[in-house]
N, C-alpha and C. Protein backbone atom coordinates (compact mmCIF):
# COMPACT_ATOMS: atom_id res chain seq x y z
N MET A 1 69.62 65.02 152.42
CA MET A 1 70.82 65.59 153.02
C MET A 1 71.10 64.94 154.36
N ALA A 2 72.32 65.02 154.78
CA ALA A 2 72.71 64.46 156.07
C ALA A 2 72.96 65.58 157.07
N ARG A 3 73.03 65.21 158.30
CA ARG A 3 73.26 66.17 159.38
C ARG A 3 74.73 66.58 159.46
N ILE A 4 74.97 67.71 160.12
CA ILE A 4 76.31 68.13 160.50
C ILE A 4 76.33 68.13 162.02
N LEU A 5 77.38 67.58 162.58
CA LEU A 5 77.53 67.46 164.03
C LEU A 5 78.66 68.38 164.47
N ALA A 6 78.49 69.07 165.60
CA ALA A 6 79.54 69.93 166.14
C ALA A 6 79.89 69.49 167.55
N LEU A 7 81.19 69.57 167.86
CA LEU A 7 81.70 69.16 169.17
C LEU A 7 82.44 70.32 169.82
N ASP A 8 82.10 70.60 171.07
CA ASP A 8 82.87 71.52 171.90
C ASP A 8 83.63 70.62 172.87
N PHE A 9 84.82 70.18 172.45
CA PHE A 9 85.57 69.17 173.18
C PHE A 9 86.22 69.77 174.43
N GLY A 10 86.08 69.05 175.52
CA GLY A 10 86.74 69.42 176.77
C GLY A 10 87.37 68.19 177.39
N GLN A 11 88.29 68.39 178.29
CA GLN A 11 88.97 67.24 178.88
C GLN A 11 88.03 66.38 179.71
N LYS A 12 87.01 66.99 180.33
CA LYS A 12 86.05 66.22 181.14
C LYS A 12 84.80 65.85 180.36
N ARG A 13 84.25 66.82 179.64
CA ARG A 13 83.00 66.57 178.92
C ARG A 13 83.01 67.33 177.60
N THR A 14 82.16 66.87 176.70
CA THR A 14 82.08 67.46 175.36
C THR A 14 80.63 67.80 175.04
N GLY A 15 80.42 69.05 174.64
CA GLY A 15 79.10 69.46 174.19
C GLY A 15 78.90 69.02 172.76
N VAL A 16 77.69 68.56 172.44
CA VAL A 16 77.38 68.07 171.10
C VAL A 16 76.15 68.80 170.58
N ALA A 17 76.25 69.28 169.35
CA ALA A 17 75.11 69.92 168.68
C ALA A 17 74.98 69.31 167.29
N VAL A 18 73.79 69.42 166.72
CA VAL A 18 73.53 68.79 165.44
C VAL A 18 72.54 69.64 164.63
N THR A 19 72.64 69.52 163.32
CA THR A 19 71.66 70.19 162.46
C THR A 19 70.49 69.25 162.19
N ASP A 20 69.44 69.81 161.64
CA ASP A 20 68.37 68.99 161.08
C ASP A 20 68.89 68.42 159.75
N GLU A 21 68.10 67.57 159.11
CA GLU A 21 68.54 66.94 157.86
C GLU A 21 68.76 67.94 156.74
N LEU A 22 68.07 69.08 156.77
CA LEU A 22 68.23 70.09 155.73
C LEU A 22 69.36 71.07 156.03
N GLN A 23 70.01 70.88 157.15
CA GLN A 23 71.15 71.72 157.57
C GLN A 23 70.77 73.20 157.68
N ILE A 24 69.60 73.43 158.28
CA ILE A 24 69.11 74.80 158.46
C ILE A 24 69.21 75.22 159.92
N ILE A 25 68.85 74.34 160.83
CA ILE A 25 68.76 74.67 162.25
C ILE A 25 69.81 73.90 163.04
N ALA A 26 70.53 74.62 163.88
CA ALA A 26 71.49 74.00 164.80
C ALA A 26 70.82 73.87 166.16
N SER A 27 70.89 72.67 166.74
CA SER A 27 70.28 72.42 168.04
C SER A 27 71.26 71.69 168.93
N GLY A 28 71.23 72.03 170.21
CA GLY A 28 72.02 71.29 171.18
C GLY A 28 71.48 69.88 171.28
N LEU A 29 72.37 68.91 171.32
CA LEU A 29 71.95 67.51 171.39
C LEU A 29 72.14 66.96 172.81
N THR A 30 73.37 67.08 173.33
CA THR A 30 73.68 66.51 174.63
C THR A 30 75.07 66.93 175.05
N THR A 31 75.46 66.49 176.23
CA THR A 31 76.83 66.59 176.69
C THR A 31 77.26 65.19 177.07
N VAL A 32 78.47 64.81 176.65
CA VAL A 32 78.95 63.44 176.83
C VAL A 32 80.28 63.50 177.58
N PRO A 33 80.49 62.62 178.57
CA PRO A 33 81.83 62.54 179.16
C PRO A 33 82.85 62.26 178.05
N SER A 34 83.92 63.02 178.01
CA SER A 34 84.85 62.94 176.88
C SER A 34 85.45 61.55 176.69
N GLU A 35 85.64 60.81 177.78
CA GLU A 35 86.20 59.46 177.63
C GLU A 35 85.20 58.51 176.96
N GLU A 36 83.93 58.88 176.89
CA GLU A 36 82.89 58.06 176.25
C GLU A 36 82.50 58.58 174.87
N LEU A 37 83.18 59.63 174.41
CA LEU A 37 82.74 60.31 173.19
C LEU A 37 82.83 59.45 171.93
N LEU A 38 83.91 58.71 171.75
CA LEU A 38 84.02 57.88 170.54
C LEU A 38 82.91 56.82 170.50
N ASP A 39 82.60 56.21 171.64
CA ASP A 39 81.51 55.22 171.68
C ASP A 39 80.17 55.88 171.37
N PHE A 40 79.94 57.08 171.91
CA PHE A 40 78.72 57.83 171.62
C PHE A 40 78.62 58.10 170.12
N LEU A 41 79.72 58.56 169.52
CA LEU A 41 79.71 58.88 168.09
C LEU A 41 79.46 57.64 167.24
N LYS A 42 80.03 56.51 167.62
CA LYS A 42 79.79 55.26 166.87
C LYS A 42 78.30 54.94 166.85
N ARG A 43 77.66 55.04 168.01
CA ARG A 43 76.22 54.77 168.09
C ARG A 43 75.43 55.80 167.29
N TYR A 44 75.82 57.06 167.39
CA TYR A 44 75.09 58.11 166.70
C TYR A 44 75.21 57.96 165.18
N PHE A 45 76.41 57.66 164.70
CA PHE A 45 76.62 57.50 163.26
C PHE A 45 75.84 56.31 162.70
N LEU A 46 75.60 55.29 163.53
CA LEU A 46 74.78 54.15 163.09
C LEU A 46 73.31 54.54 163.00
N ALA A 47 72.87 55.43 163.90
CA ALA A 47 71.45 55.80 163.96
C ALA A 47 71.09 56.93 163.01
N GLU A 48 72.03 57.83 162.74
CA GLU A 48 71.75 59.02 161.93
C GLU A 48 72.78 59.17 160.82
N LYS A 49 72.35 59.74 159.72
CA LYS A 49 73.26 60.02 158.62
C LYS A 49 73.94 61.36 158.90
N VAL A 50 75.26 61.33 159.00
CA VAL A 50 76.04 62.53 159.29
C VAL A 50 77.01 62.78 158.14
N GLU A 51 76.99 63.99 157.63
CA GLU A 51 77.83 64.38 156.50
C GLU A 51 79.22 64.83 156.93
N LYS A 52 79.27 65.51 158.08
CA LYS A 52 80.52 66.13 158.51
C LYS A 52 80.47 66.38 160.00
N VAL A 53 81.65 66.41 160.61
CA VAL A 53 81.78 66.75 162.03
C VAL A 53 82.66 67.98 162.13
N LEU A 54 82.24 68.91 162.97
CA LEU A 54 83.04 70.10 163.28
C LEU A 54 83.53 69.96 164.71
N ILE A 55 84.76 70.38 164.94
CA ILE A 55 85.28 70.38 166.30
C ILE A 55 85.89 71.74 166.58
N GLY A 56 85.55 72.28 167.73
CA GLY A 56 86.09 73.57 168.12
C GLY A 56 87.59 73.49 168.33
N GLN A 57 88.31 74.41 167.72
CA GLN A 57 89.76 74.49 167.85
C GLN A 57 90.09 75.63 168.82
N PRO A 58 90.63 75.30 169.98
CA PRO A 58 90.93 76.35 170.96
C PRO A 58 92.19 77.14 170.57
N VAL A 59 92.01 78.43 170.33
CA VAL A 59 93.13 79.30 169.98
C VAL A 59 93.09 80.56 170.84
N LYS A 60 94.26 81.14 171.03
CA LYS A 60 94.37 82.39 171.79
C LYS A 60 94.02 83.56 170.87
N MET A 61 93.97 84.73 171.45
CA MET A 61 93.65 85.93 170.68
C MET A 61 94.64 86.17 169.53
N ASN A 62 95.89 85.76 169.70
CA ASN A 62 96.91 85.95 168.66
C ASN A 62 96.96 84.77 167.68
N TYR A 63 95.93 83.92 167.72
CA TYR A 63 95.78 82.76 166.82
C TYR A 63 96.74 81.61 167.10
N GLU A 64 97.49 81.67 168.19
CA GLU A 64 98.32 80.54 168.59
C GLU A 64 97.46 79.52 169.31
N PRO A 65 97.82 78.24 169.24
CA PRO A 65 97.03 77.22 169.96
C PRO A 65 97.01 77.50 171.46
N SER A 66 95.87 77.29 172.08
CA SER A 66 95.76 77.49 173.52
C SER A 66 96.26 76.24 174.24
N GLN A 67 96.24 76.30 175.54
CA GLN A 67 96.75 75.20 176.36
C GLN A 67 95.98 73.90 176.13
N SER A 68 94.69 74.01 175.87
CA SER A 68 93.87 72.82 175.69
C SER A 68 93.92 72.25 174.28
N ALA A 69 94.67 72.89 173.38
CA ALA A 69 94.75 72.42 171.99
C ALA A 69 95.35 71.02 171.89
N ALA A 70 96.27 70.68 172.76
CA ALA A 70 96.90 69.35 172.71
C ALA A 70 95.86 68.25 172.95
N ALA A 71 94.93 68.49 173.87
CA ALA A 71 93.89 67.49 174.13
C ALA A 71 92.98 67.33 172.92
N VAL A 72 92.66 68.44 172.25
CA VAL A 72 91.84 68.38 171.04
C VAL A 72 92.60 67.62 169.95
N ASP A 73 93.87 67.92 169.79
CA ASP A 73 94.69 67.22 168.78
C ASP A 73 94.71 65.72 169.03
N ALA A 74 94.85 65.32 170.30
CA ALA A 74 94.87 63.89 170.63
C ALA A 74 93.53 63.23 170.30
N PHE A 75 92.44 63.93 170.60
CA PHE A 75 91.12 63.38 170.27
C PHE A 75 90.94 63.28 168.76
N VAL A 76 91.36 64.31 168.03
CA VAL A 76 91.23 64.30 166.56
C VAL A 76 91.96 63.10 165.98
N ALA A 77 93.14 62.79 166.50
CA ALA A 77 93.88 61.63 166.00
C ALA A 77 93.09 60.34 166.24
N LYS A 78 92.49 60.20 167.40
CA LYS A 78 91.67 59.02 167.70
C LYS A 78 90.43 58.98 166.80
N PHE A 79 89.81 60.14 166.59
CA PHE A 79 88.63 60.23 165.74
C PHE A 79 88.96 59.79 164.32
N MET A 80 90.06 60.31 163.78
CA MET A 80 90.45 59.98 162.40
C MET A 80 90.73 58.48 162.25
N LYS A 81 91.27 57.87 163.29
CA LYS A 81 91.54 56.44 163.24
C LYS A 81 90.23 55.64 163.31
N ALA A 82 89.31 56.08 164.17
CA ALA A 82 88.04 55.37 164.34
C ALA A 82 87.08 55.59 163.16
N PHE A 83 87.13 56.80 162.56
CA PHE A 83 86.19 57.16 161.48
C PHE A 83 86.96 57.76 160.30
N PRO A 84 87.76 56.95 159.60
CA PRO A 84 88.61 57.50 158.54
C PRO A 84 87.85 58.12 157.37
N ASP A 85 86.60 57.75 157.17
CA ASP A 85 85.83 58.29 156.04
C ASP A 85 84.95 59.48 156.41
N MET A 86 84.95 59.86 157.68
CA MET A 86 84.10 60.98 158.12
C MET A 86 84.88 62.29 158.05
N PRO A 87 84.44 63.24 157.24
CA PRO A 87 85.11 64.54 157.18
C PRO A 87 85.04 65.24 158.55
N LEU A 88 86.16 65.82 158.94
CA LEU A 88 86.25 66.53 160.22
C LEU A 88 86.90 67.89 159.96
N ASP A 89 86.19 68.95 160.31
CA ASP A 89 86.71 70.31 160.15
C ASP A 89 86.93 70.92 161.52
N ARG A 90 88.06 71.58 161.67
CA ARG A 90 88.32 72.32 162.90
C ARG A 90 87.86 73.76 162.68
N VAL A 91 87.16 74.29 163.68
CA VAL A 91 86.66 75.67 163.58
C VAL A 91 87.04 76.43 164.84
N ASP A 92 87.26 77.71 164.68
CA ASP A 92 87.64 78.59 165.78
C ASP A 92 86.53 78.61 166.82
N GLU A 93 86.90 78.34 168.07
CA GLU A 93 85.89 78.32 169.12
C GLU A 93 86.07 79.44 170.14
N ARG A 94 86.87 80.44 169.79
CA ARG A 94 87.07 81.54 170.74
C ARG A 94 85.73 82.17 171.11
N PHE A 95 85.59 82.45 172.37
CA PHE A 95 84.44 83.14 172.95
C PHE A 95 83.15 82.33 172.99
N THR A 96 83.15 81.09 172.53
CA THR A 96 81.88 80.36 172.50
C THR A 96 81.35 80.09 173.90
N SER A 97 82.22 79.80 174.87
CA SER A 97 81.73 79.56 176.23
C SER A 97 81.17 80.84 176.84
N LYS A 98 81.83 81.96 176.59
CA LYS A 98 81.31 83.24 177.09
C LYS A 98 79.99 83.58 176.41
N MET A 99 79.90 83.30 175.13
CA MET A 99 78.65 83.55 174.41
C MET A 99 77.54 82.63 174.94
N ALA A 100 77.90 81.40 175.31
CA ALA A 100 76.93 80.46 175.85
C ALA A 100 76.36 80.98 177.17
N VAL A 101 77.23 81.49 178.04
CA VAL A 101 76.77 82.04 179.31
C VAL A 101 75.88 83.26 179.06
N ARG A 102 76.27 84.11 178.12
CA ARG A 102 75.46 85.29 177.79
C ARG A 102 74.10 84.85 177.27
N THR A 103 74.05 83.80 176.47
CA THR A 103 72.79 83.28 175.97
C THR A 103 71.91 82.80 177.11
N MET A 104 72.53 82.15 178.09
CA MET A 104 71.78 81.66 179.24
C MET A 104 71.20 82.83 180.05
N ILE A 105 71.98 83.88 180.21
CA ILE A 105 71.51 85.06 180.94
C ILE A 105 70.36 85.70 180.18
N ASP A 106 70.56 85.88 178.87
CA ASP A 106 69.53 86.52 178.04
C ASP A 106 68.23 85.73 178.01
N SER A 107 68.33 84.41 178.16
CA SER A 107 67.12 83.59 178.12
C SER A 107 66.45 83.48 179.49
N GLY A 108 67.03 84.16 180.49
CA GLY A 108 66.38 84.23 181.80
C GLY A 108 66.69 83.10 182.76
N LEU A 109 67.73 82.31 182.48
CA LEU A 109 68.07 81.24 183.41
C LEU A 109 68.63 81.83 184.71
N ARG A 110 68.28 81.22 185.80
CA ARG A 110 68.76 81.67 187.11
C ARG A 110 70.23 81.34 187.27
N LYS A 111 70.86 82.00 188.23
CA LYS A 111 72.29 81.82 188.46
C LYS A 111 72.65 80.35 188.69
N LYS A 112 71.86 79.65 189.46
CA LYS A 112 72.11 78.23 189.73
C LYS A 112 72.09 77.42 188.42
N GLN A 113 71.15 77.72 187.54
CA GLN A 113 71.06 77.02 186.26
C GLN A 113 72.25 77.36 185.36
N ARG A 114 72.73 78.60 185.44
CA ARG A 114 73.86 79.03 184.60
C ARG A 114 75.18 78.41 185.05
N GLN A 115 75.20 77.80 186.22
CA GLN A 115 76.42 77.14 186.70
C GLN A 115 76.54 75.71 186.19
N ASN A 116 75.59 75.27 185.42
CA ASN A 116 75.58 73.93 184.84
C ASN A 116 76.58 73.90 183.67
N LYS A 117 77.78 73.41 183.94
CA LYS A 117 78.84 73.42 182.92
C LYS A 117 78.49 72.54 181.73
N ALA A 118 77.75 71.48 181.94
CA ALA A 118 77.34 70.62 180.82
C ALA A 118 76.45 71.39 179.86
N LEU A 119 75.54 72.19 180.40
CA LEU A 119 74.67 73.00 179.55
C LEU A 119 75.47 74.06 178.79
N ILE A 120 76.46 74.65 179.44
CA ILE A 120 77.33 75.63 178.78
C ILE A 120 78.03 74.97 177.60
N ASP A 121 78.56 73.75 177.79
CA ASP A 121 79.26 73.05 176.71
C ASP A 121 78.32 72.73 175.54
N GLU A 122 77.09 72.33 175.85
CA GLU A 122 76.13 72.02 174.79
C GLU A 122 75.76 73.28 174.01
N ILE A 123 75.56 74.38 174.72
CA ILE A 123 75.23 75.64 174.04
C ILE A 123 76.42 76.11 173.21
N ALA A 124 77.64 75.96 173.74
CA ALA A 124 78.84 76.36 172.99
C ALA A 124 78.95 75.57 171.69
N ALA A 125 78.66 74.27 171.73
CA ALA A 125 78.68 73.46 170.51
C ALA A 125 77.63 73.96 169.52
N THR A 126 76.48 74.37 170.02
CA THR A 126 75.42 74.89 169.17
C THR A 126 75.86 76.20 168.51
N ILE A 127 76.56 77.04 169.27
CA ILE A 127 77.06 78.30 168.72
C ILE A 127 78.10 78.03 167.63
N ILE A 128 78.99 77.07 167.85
CA ILE A 128 79.97 76.69 166.84
C ILE A 128 79.26 76.27 165.55
N LEU A 129 78.24 75.45 165.70
CA LEU A 129 77.51 74.93 164.55
C LEU A 129 76.70 76.03 163.84
N GLN A 130 76.04 76.87 164.62
CA GLN A 130 75.25 77.95 164.02
C GLN A 130 76.15 78.92 163.25
N ASP A 131 77.31 79.23 163.83
CA ASP A 131 78.26 80.12 163.15
C ASP A 131 78.72 79.50 161.83
N TYR A 132 78.99 78.20 161.83
CA TYR A 132 79.38 77.49 160.61
C TYR A 132 78.28 77.57 159.55
N LEU A 133 77.06 77.33 159.98
CA LEU A 133 75.93 77.37 159.03
C LEU A 133 75.75 78.76 158.43
N GLN A 134 75.93 79.79 159.24
CA GLN A 134 75.79 81.17 158.73
C GLN A 134 76.88 81.50 157.73
N ARG A 135 78.11 81.05 157.99
CA ARG A 135 79.21 81.32 157.05
C ARG A 135 79.08 80.52 155.77
N LYS A 136 78.44 79.35 155.86
CA LYS A 136 78.29 78.45 154.72
C LYS A 136 77.30 78.98 153.68
N THR A 137 76.31 79.74 154.12
CA THR A 137 75.28 80.21 153.18
C THR A 137 75.67 81.46 152.45
């Protein structure tokens, strides 16, 4: 089996999470500056077998696209052009950043550590991926 990769795309940086080869465990991988994301993905796809990519779709409570949806749409267009054979699914990312902060609090991280926005993005991508895996089974 191949891995599934999840992206919590942001205008400055993107959190990246990945499954194991059996698609059982979701783990945070890294945070990448968004302008370097396509190059990162090219290198990652050469090194690892990836079956599918998930990207968080920012939506409001009423299911309308949020303000940051345009940036995600622009990235998706670039992704599809760069990787036309790679399946890409958009998934609801509402509350993932809040859940990431709650996870950091629950795991005992100090306030200074919880202010690390890159870590929040990586955890949010992991939450997106874990939620996908739970719904898939």
